[in-house]
Amino acid sequence: MGEIIACIYEGTAEKVIIEILLDANKLIFNKEDLLNEELIKRIKPKQFQSNYLNQDYEKKIKVIRVIDKKNEGFKISAPYEEQVSEVVPIITRPEIEILVIIGMGQYDRFKRQSSKGYQKPSDYCKQVMNIKNVKTEKFMRHHFSDVDYLIRCLQEYHSKIDLKSGEQDFTTLLR
């Protein structure tokens, strides 16, 4: 890859999904392409700059942010702009746990019931599907242990979710 990838994730579920896809070589980048060969927990731009951009790199850094809101800004300050090629938000709206709902064939039911107070997929998973540990690493690793199943869920998510102009989702990162 021509750039170093700074892959910033929002929470445990997002991290697990990225790791599963990385381990199976299903992303357009690999572990060796990652900044310091690691994923980065959600971080503010100033903290990112001081922790990672105070060094010289041979290549530019492409920042990929796996988040649930596009309007969450991530402005790189002028002294560091030269080091960053672009900032790419990968949207997981409304929450990454929607993949569990989709994978278990509950998406249409979730949409019907979302008007009844289950606005968040994680709440729906807990209250309707009785999956209390949906946000845990153990559950996510077990549920998405079959990478082909995970990819099918991501592709179905892509076909069902109404992405706004300029928004991208996980399918953008798939090989």
Foldseek 3Di string as FASTA:
>chain_A
DQAAEAEEEEALLRQLLVVLCQVVVFFPDHQVSYQVSDHHYDDAQVVCCVVRVVDDDPGAYEYEYEEADPPPDRDHDDVRPVRHPYYAYAHCPPHVLVLVCVLVVNNVVCVVCCVVPPVDSLVCCCPVVVPPCSRDNVVSCVSCVPVVSSVVSQVVCVVPDDDDPPHHHCVVGTD
